[in-house]
PDB file of N, CA and C in Angstrom:
ATOM      1  N   UNK A   1      23.289 -21.277  15.098  1.00  0.00           N
ATOM      2  CA  UNK A   1      22.782 -22.072  13.733  1.00  0.00           C
ATOM      3  C   UNK A   1      21.695 -22.938  13.946  1.00  0.00           C
ATOM      4  N   UNK A   2      20.853 -23.271  13.154  1.00  0.00           N
ATOM      5  CA  UNK A   2      19.635 -24.129  13.199  1.00  0.00           C
ATOM      6  C   UNK A   2      20.083 -25.553  12.600  1.00  0.00           C
ATOM      7  N   UNK A   3      19.667 -26.619  13.148  1.00  0.00           N
ATOM      8  CA  UNK A   3      19.931 -27.654  12.462  1.00  0.00           C
ATOM      9  C   UNK A   3      18.307 -28.360  12.422  1.00  0.00           C
ATOM     10  N   UNK A   4      18.363 -29.579  11.804  1.00  0.00           N
ATOM     11  CA  UNK A   4      16.813 -30.194  11.644  1.00  0.00           C
ATOM     12  C   UNK A   4      16.275 -30.769  12.849  1.00  0.00           C
ATOM     13  N   UNK A   5      17.329 -31.509  13.550  1.00  0.00           N
ATOM     14  CA  UNK A   5      17.202 -32.320  14.569  1.00  0.00           C
ATOM     15  C   UNK A   5      18.687 -32.576  15.410  1.00  0.00           C
ATOM     16  N   UNK A   6      18.629 -33.356  16.559  1.00  0.00           N
ATOM     17  CA  UNK A   6      19.451 -33.593  17.211  1.00  0.00           C
ATOM     18  C   UNK A   6      20.836 -34.267  16.335  1.00  0.00           C
ATOM     19  N   UNK A   7      20.316 -35.391  15.786  1.00  0.00           N
ATOM     20  CA  UNK A   7      21.089 -36.103  14.824  1.00  0.00           C
ATOM     21  C   UNK A   7      22.070 -35.280  13.634  1.00  0.00           C
ATOM     22  N   UNK A   8      21.213 -34.190  13.148  1.00  0.00           N
ATOM     23  CA  UNK A   8      21.988 -33.131  12.269  1.00  0.00           C
ATOM     24  C   UNK A   8      22.987 -32.405  12.871  1.00  0.00           C
ATOM     25  N   UNK A   9      22.586 -32.005  14.310  1.00  0.00           N
ATOM     26  CA  UNK A   9      23.310 -31.080  15.059  1.00  0.00           C
ATOM     27  C   UNK A   9      24.581 -31.966  15.280  1.00  0.00           C
ATOM     28  N   UNK A  10      24.579 -32.964  15.825  1.00  0.00           N
ATOM     29  CA  UNK A  10      25.871 -33.754  16.100  1.00  0.00           C
ATOM     30  C   UNK A  10      26.940 -34.230  15.092  1.00  0.00           C
ATOM     31  N   UNK A  11      26.180 -34.309  13.938  1.00  0.00           N
ATOM     32  CA  UNK A  11      26.752 -34.687  12.618  1.00  0.00           C
ATOM     33  C   UNK A  11      27.434 -33.420  12.144  1.00  0.00           C
ATOM     34  N   UNK A  12      26.947 -32.308  12.316  1.00  0.00           N
ATOM     35  CA  UNK A  12      27.612 -31.151  11.693  1.00  0.00           C
ATOM     36  C   UNK A  12      28.231 -30.089  12.515  1.00  0.00           C
ATOM     37  N   UNK A  13      27.990 -30.159  13.860  1.00  0.00           N
ATOM     38  CA  UNK A  13      28.808 -29.608  14.805  1.00  0.00           C
ATOM     39  C   UNK A  13      29.723 -30.255  15.888  1.00  0.00           C
ATOM     40  N   UNK A  14      31.219 -29.872  15.441  1.00  0.00           N
ATOM     41  CA  UNK A  14      32.175 -30.501  16.125  1.00  0.00           C
ATOM     42  C   UNK A  14      31.736 -30.453  17.863  1.00  0.00           C
ATOM     43  N   UNK A  15      31.752 -29.161  18.134  1.00  0.00           N
ATOM     44  CA  UNK A  15      31.595 -28.674  19.405  1.00  0.00           C
ATOM     45  C   UNK A  15      30.173 -29.458  20.349  1.00  0.00           C
ATOM     46  N   UNK A  16      29.230 -29.594  19.371  1.00  0.00           N
ATOM     47  CA  UNK A  16      28.108 -30.308  19.965  1.00  0.00           C
ATOM     48  C   UNK A  16      28.145 -31.782  20.074  1.00  0.00           C
ATOM     49  N   UNK A  17      28.796 -32.167  19.220  1.00  0.00           N
ATOM     50  CA  UNK A  17      29.302 -33.817  18.988  1.00  0.00           C
ATOM     51  C   UNK A  17      30.080 -33.804  20.382  1.00  0.00           C
ATOM     52  N   UNK A  18      31.309 -33.031  20.552  1.00  0.00           N
ATOM     53  CA  UNK A  18      32.051 -33.531  21.945  1.00  0.00           C
ATOM     54  C   UNK A  18      31.318 -33.236  22.880  1.00  0.00           C
ATOM     55  N   UNK A  19      30.612 -32.465  22.932  1.00  0.00           N
ATOM     56  CA  UNK A  19      29.596 -32.042  24.411  1.00  0.00           C
ATOM     57  C   UNK A  19      28.760 -33.135  24.597  1.00  0.00           C
ATOM     58  N   UNK A  20      28.190 -33.984  23.532  1.00  0.00           N
ATOM     59  CA  UNK A  20      27.171 -35.003  23.581  1.00  0.00           C
ATOM     60  C   UNK A  20      27.896 -36.022  23.918  1.00  0.00           C
ATOM     61  N   UNK A  21      28.804 -36.588  23.406  1.00  0.00           N
ATOM     62  CA  UNK A  21      29.640 -37.713  23.650  1.00  0.00           C
ATOM     63  C   UNK A  21      30.349 -37.567  24.967  1.00  0.00           C
ATOM     64  N   UNK A  22      30.242 -36.534  25.682  1.00  0.00           N
ATOM     65  CA  UNK A  22      31.029 -36.478  27.016  1.00  0.00           C
ATOM     66  C   UNK A  22      30.032 -36.786  27.911  1.00  0.00           C
ATOM     67  N   UNK A  23      28.737 -36.710  27.737  1.00  0.00           N
ATOM     68  CA  UNK A  23      27.488 -37.084  28.586  1.00  0.00           C
ATOM     69  C   UNK A  23      27.616 -38.420  28.625  1.00  0.00           C
ATOM     70  N   UNK A  24      26.853 -38.831  29.995  1.00  0.00           N
ATOM     71  CA  UNK A  24      26.591 -40.275  30.224  1.00  0.00           C
ATOM     72  C   UNK A  24      25.774 -40.909  29.130  1.00  0.00           C
ATOM     73  N   UNK A  25      25.606 -42.238  29.205  1.00  0.00           N
ATOM     74  CA  UNK A  25      25.023 -42.900  28.300  1.00  0.00           C
ATOM     75  C   UNK A  25      23.617 -42.708  28.265  1.00  0.00           C
ATOM     76  N   UNK A  26      22.998 -42.571  29.478  1.00  0.00           N
ATOM     77  CA  UNK A  26      21.795 -42.771  29.890  1.00  0.00           C
ATOM     78  C   UNK A  26      21.287 -41.248  29.268  1.00  0.00           C
ATOM     79  N   UNK A  27      22.129 -40.113  29.392  1.00  0.00           N
ATOM     80  CA  UNK A  27      21.822 -38.824  29.184  1.00  0.00           C
ATOM     81  C   UNK A  27      21.611 -38.829  27.220  1.00  0.00           C
ATOM     82  N   UNK A  28      22.419 -39.544  27.086  1.00  0.00           N
ATOM     83  CA  UNK A  28      22.635 -39.482  25.699  1.00  0.00           C
ATOM     84  C   UNK A  28      21.290 -40.310  25.027  1.00  0.00           C
ATOM     85  N   UNK A  29      20.813 -41.195  25.550  1.00  0.00           N
ATOM     86  CA  UNK A  29      19.730 -41.953  25.197  1.00  0.00           C
ATOM     87  C   UNK A  29      18.465 -41.247  25.290  1.00  0.00           C
ATOM     88  N   UNK A  30      18.369 -40.297  26.600  1.00  0.00           N
ATOM     89  CA  UNK A  30      17.195 -39.502  26.909  1.00  0.00           C
ATOM     90  C   UNK A  30      17.180 -38.373  25.777  1.00  0.00           C
ATOM     91  N   UNK A  31      18.298 -37.881  25.457  1.00  0.00           N
ATOM     92  CA  UNK A  31      18.302 -36.861  24.409  1.00  0.00           C
ATOM     93  C   UNK A  31      17.826 -37.526  23.018  1.00  0.00           C
ATOM     94  N   UNK A  32      18.277 -38.867  22.572  1.00  0.00           N
ATOM     95  CA  UNK A  32      17.902 -39.217  21.337  1.00  0.00           C
ATOM     96  C   UNK A  32      16.503 -39.268  21.392  1.00  0.00           C
ATOM     97  N   UNK A  33      15.584 -39.771  22.526  1.00  0.00           N
ATOM     98  CA  UNK A  33      14.204 -39.677  22.719  1.00  0.00           C
ATOM     99  C   UNK A  33      13.663 -38.239  22.203  1.00  0.00           C
ATOM    100  N   UNK A  34      14.436 -37.183  22.467  1.00  0.00           N
ATOM    101  CA  UNK A  34      13.837 -35.736  22.469  1.00  0.00           C
ATOM    102  C   UNK A  34      14.507 -35.155  21.165  1.00  0.00           C
ATOM    103  N   UNK A  35      15.041 -35.883  20.428  1.00  0.00           N
ATOM    104  CA  UNK A  35      16.063 -35.411  19.401  1.00  0.00           C
ATOM    105  C   UNK A  35      15.325 -34.577  18.621  1.00  0.00           C
ATOM    106  N   UNK A  36      14.071 -34.778  17.931  1.00  0.00           N
ATOM    107  CA  UNK A  36      13.059 -33.687  17.127  1.00  0.00           C
ATOM    108  C   UNK A  36      12.856 -32.405  17.529  1.00  0.00           C
ATOM    109  N   UNK A  37      12.974 -32.306  18.867  1.00  0.00           N
ATOM    110  CA  UNK A  37      13.042 -31.101  19.597  1.00  0.00           C
ATOM    111  C   UNK A  37      14.492 -30.141  19.623  1.00  0.00           C
ATOM    112  N   UNK A  38      15.422 -30.802  19.280  1.00  0.00           N
ATOM    113  CA  UNK A  38      16.857 -30.096  19.692  1.00  0.00           C
ATOM    114  C   UNK A  38      17.478 -29.792  18.140  1.00  0.00           C
ATOM    115  N   UNK A  39      17.378 -28.217  18.051  1.00  0.00           N
ATOM    116  CA  UNK A  39      17.677 -27.692  16.652  1.00  0.00           C
ATOM    117  C   UNK A  39      18.867 -26.616  16.806  1.00  0.00           C
ATOM    118  N   UNK A  40      19.768 -26.817  18.056  1.00  0.00           N
ATOM    119  CA  UNK A  40      20.843 -25.786  18.312  1.00  0.00           C
ATOM    120  C   UNK A  40      21.743 -26.220  19.540  1.00  0.00           C
ATOM    121  N   UNK A  41      22.679 -25.993  19.405  1.00  0.00           N
ATOM    122  CA  UNK A  41      23.411 -26.055  20.743  1.00  0.00           C
ATOM    123  C   UNK A  41      22.852 -25.634  22.023  1.00  0.00           C
ATOM    124  N   UNK A  42      22.358 -24.591  21.879  1.00  0.00           N
ATOM    125  CA  UNK A  42      21.695 -23.882  22.800  1.00  0.00           C
ATOM    126  C   UNK A  42      20.385 -24.979  23.463  1.00  0.00           C
ATOM    127  N   UNK A  43      19.641 -25.358  22.644  1.00  0.00           N
ATOM    128  CA  UNK A  43      18.562 -26.061  22.884  1.00  0.00           C
ATOM    129  C   UNK A  43      19.392 -27.464  23.332  1.00  0.00           C
ATOM    130  N   UNK A  44      20.471 -27.898  23.164  1.00  0.00           N
ATOM    131  CA  UNK A  44      20.793 -29.122  23.726  1.00  0.00           C
ATOM    132  C   UNK A  44      21.449 -28.877  25.051  1.00  0.00           C
ATOM    133  N   UNK A  45      21.831 -27.894  25.415  1.00  0.00           N
ATOM    134  CA  UNK A  45      22.636 -27.525  26.664  1.00  0.00           C
ATOM    135  C   UNK A  45      21.243 -27.444  27.596  1.00  0.00           C
ATOM    136  N   UNK A  46      19.991 -26.743  26.811  1.00  0.00           N
ATOM    137  CA  UNK A  46      18.646 -26.312  28.050  1.00  0.00           C
ATOM    138  C   UNK A  46      18.072 -28.018  27.932  1.00  0.00           C
ATOM    139  N   UNK A  47      18.183 -28.548  27.159  1.00  0.00           N
ATOM    140  CA  UNK A  47      17.423 -30.094  27.365  1.00  0.00           C
ATOM    141  C   UNK A  47      18.018 -30.921  28.224  1.00  0.00           C
ATOM    142  N   UNK A  48      19.660 -30.906  28.486  1.00  0.00           N
ATOM    143  CA  UNK A  48      20.337 -31.483  29.387  1.00  0.00           C
ATOM    144  C   UNK A  48      20.219 -30.845  30.828  1.00  0.00           C
ATOM    145  N   UNK A  49      20.049 -29.683  30.715  1.00  0.00           N
ATOM    146  CA  UNK A  49      19.757 -29.196  32.005  1.00  0.00           C
ATOM    147  C   UNK A  49      18.376 -29.445  32.510  1.00  0.00           C
ATOM    148  N   UNK A  50      17.424 -29.592  31.623  1.00  0.00           N
ATOM    149  CA  UNK A  50      16.033 -29.891  31.974  1.00  0.00           C
ATOM    150  C   UNK A  50      16.077 -31.573  32.503  1.00  0.00           C
ATOM    151  N   UNK A  51      16.713 -32.274  31.813  1.00  0.00           N
ATOM    152  CA  UNK A  51      16.886 -33.584  32.199  1.00  0.00           C
ATOM    153  C   UNK A  51      17.474 -33.792  33.398  1.00  0.00           C
ATOM    154  N   UNK A  52      18.360 -33.091  34.138  1.00  0.00           N
ATOM    155  CA  UNK A  52      19.087 -33.389  34.944  1.00  0.00           C
ATOM    156  C   UNK A  52      18.278 -32.730  36.142  1.00  0.00           C
ATOM    157  N   UNK A  53      17.661 -31.620  36.163  1.00  0.00           N
ATOM    158  CA  UNK A  53      16.565 -31.142  36.922  1.00  0.00           C
ATOM    159  C   UNK A  53      15.465 -32.193  37.321  1.00  0.00           C
ATOM    160  N   UNK A  54      14.924 -32.793  36.193  1.00  0.00           N
ATOM    161  CA  UNK A  54      13.859 -33.610  36.456  1.00  0.00           C
ATOM    162  C   UNK A  54      14.216 -34.881  37.246  1.00  0.00           C
ATOM    163  N   UNK A  55      15.376 -35.436  36.972  1.00  0.00           N
ATOM    164  CA  UNK A  55      15.924 -36.632  37.452  1.00  0.00           C
ATOM    165  C   UNK A  55      16.206 -36.114  39.082  1.00  0.00           C
ATOM    166  N   UNK A  56      16.941 -35.247  39.180  1.00  0.00           N
ATOM    167  CA  UNK A  56      17.056 -34.519  40.732  1.00  0.00           C
ATOM    168  C   UNK A  56      15.993 -34.656  41.479  1.00  0.00           C
ATOM    169  N   UNK A  57      14.722 -34.080  40.992  1.00  0.00           N
ATOM    170  CA  UNK A  57      13.386 -33.942  41.701  1.00  0.00           C
ATOM    171  C   UNK A  57      12.926 -35.403  41.622  1.00  0.00           C
ATOM    172  N   UNK A  58      13.084 -36.054  41.018  1.00  0.00           N
ATOM    173  CA  UNK A  58      12.545 -37.464  40.917  1.00  0.00           C
ATOM    174  C   UNK A  58      13.382 -38.142  42.157  1.00  0.00           C
ATOM    175  N   UNK A  59      14.720 -38.240  42.229  1.00  0.00           N
ATOM    176  CA  UNK A  59      15.557 -38.808  43.281  1.00  0.00           C
ATOM    177  C   UNK A  59      15.011 -37.986  44.632  1.00  0.00           C
ATOM    178  N   UNK A  60      15.062 -36.835  44.867  1.00  0.00           N
ATOM    179  CA  UNK A  60      14.721 -36.357  46.304  1.00  0.00           C
ATOM    180  C   UNK A  60      13.194 -36.552  46.796  1.00  0.00           C
ATOM    181  N   UNK A  61      12.600 -36.674  45.809  1.00  0.00           N
ATOM    182  CA  UNK A  61      10.612 -37.242  46.023  1.00  0.00           C
ATOM    183  C   UNK A  61      10.799 -38.682  45.969  1.00  0.00           C
ATOM    184  N   UNK A  62      11.812 -39.177  45.770  1.00  0.00           N
ATOM    185  CA  UNK A  62      12.111 -40.854  46.020  1.00  0.00           C
ATOM    186  C   UNK A  62      10.854 -41.366  45.237  1.00  0.00           C
ATOM    187  N   UNK A  63      10.791 -41.015  43.961  1.00  0.00           N
ATOM    188  CA  UNK A  63       9.887 -41.634  42.882  1.00  0.00           C
ATOM    189  C   UNK A  63      10.803 -42.342  41.778  1.00  0.00           C
ATOM    190  N   UNK A  64      12.131 -42.313  41.903  1.00  0.00           N
ATOM    191  CA  UNK A  64      12.943 -42.897  41.069  1.00  0.00           C
ATOM    192  C   UNK A  64      13.738 -44.201  41.582  1.00  0.00           C
TER     193      UNK A  64
END
């Protein structure tokens, strides 16, 4: 199902809300900054994965 944004998704999908709340606060904040681009549970999971991959690359490159 497609939602307007992240806020709409986590307000109306119990499983997405549970997943979102299980994430570290830093990840939740990053997702809120991208909230307008998240319209489904699948997009939420993809954004988390993308953020984790970016963080990993920044750490191994000693840029963070």
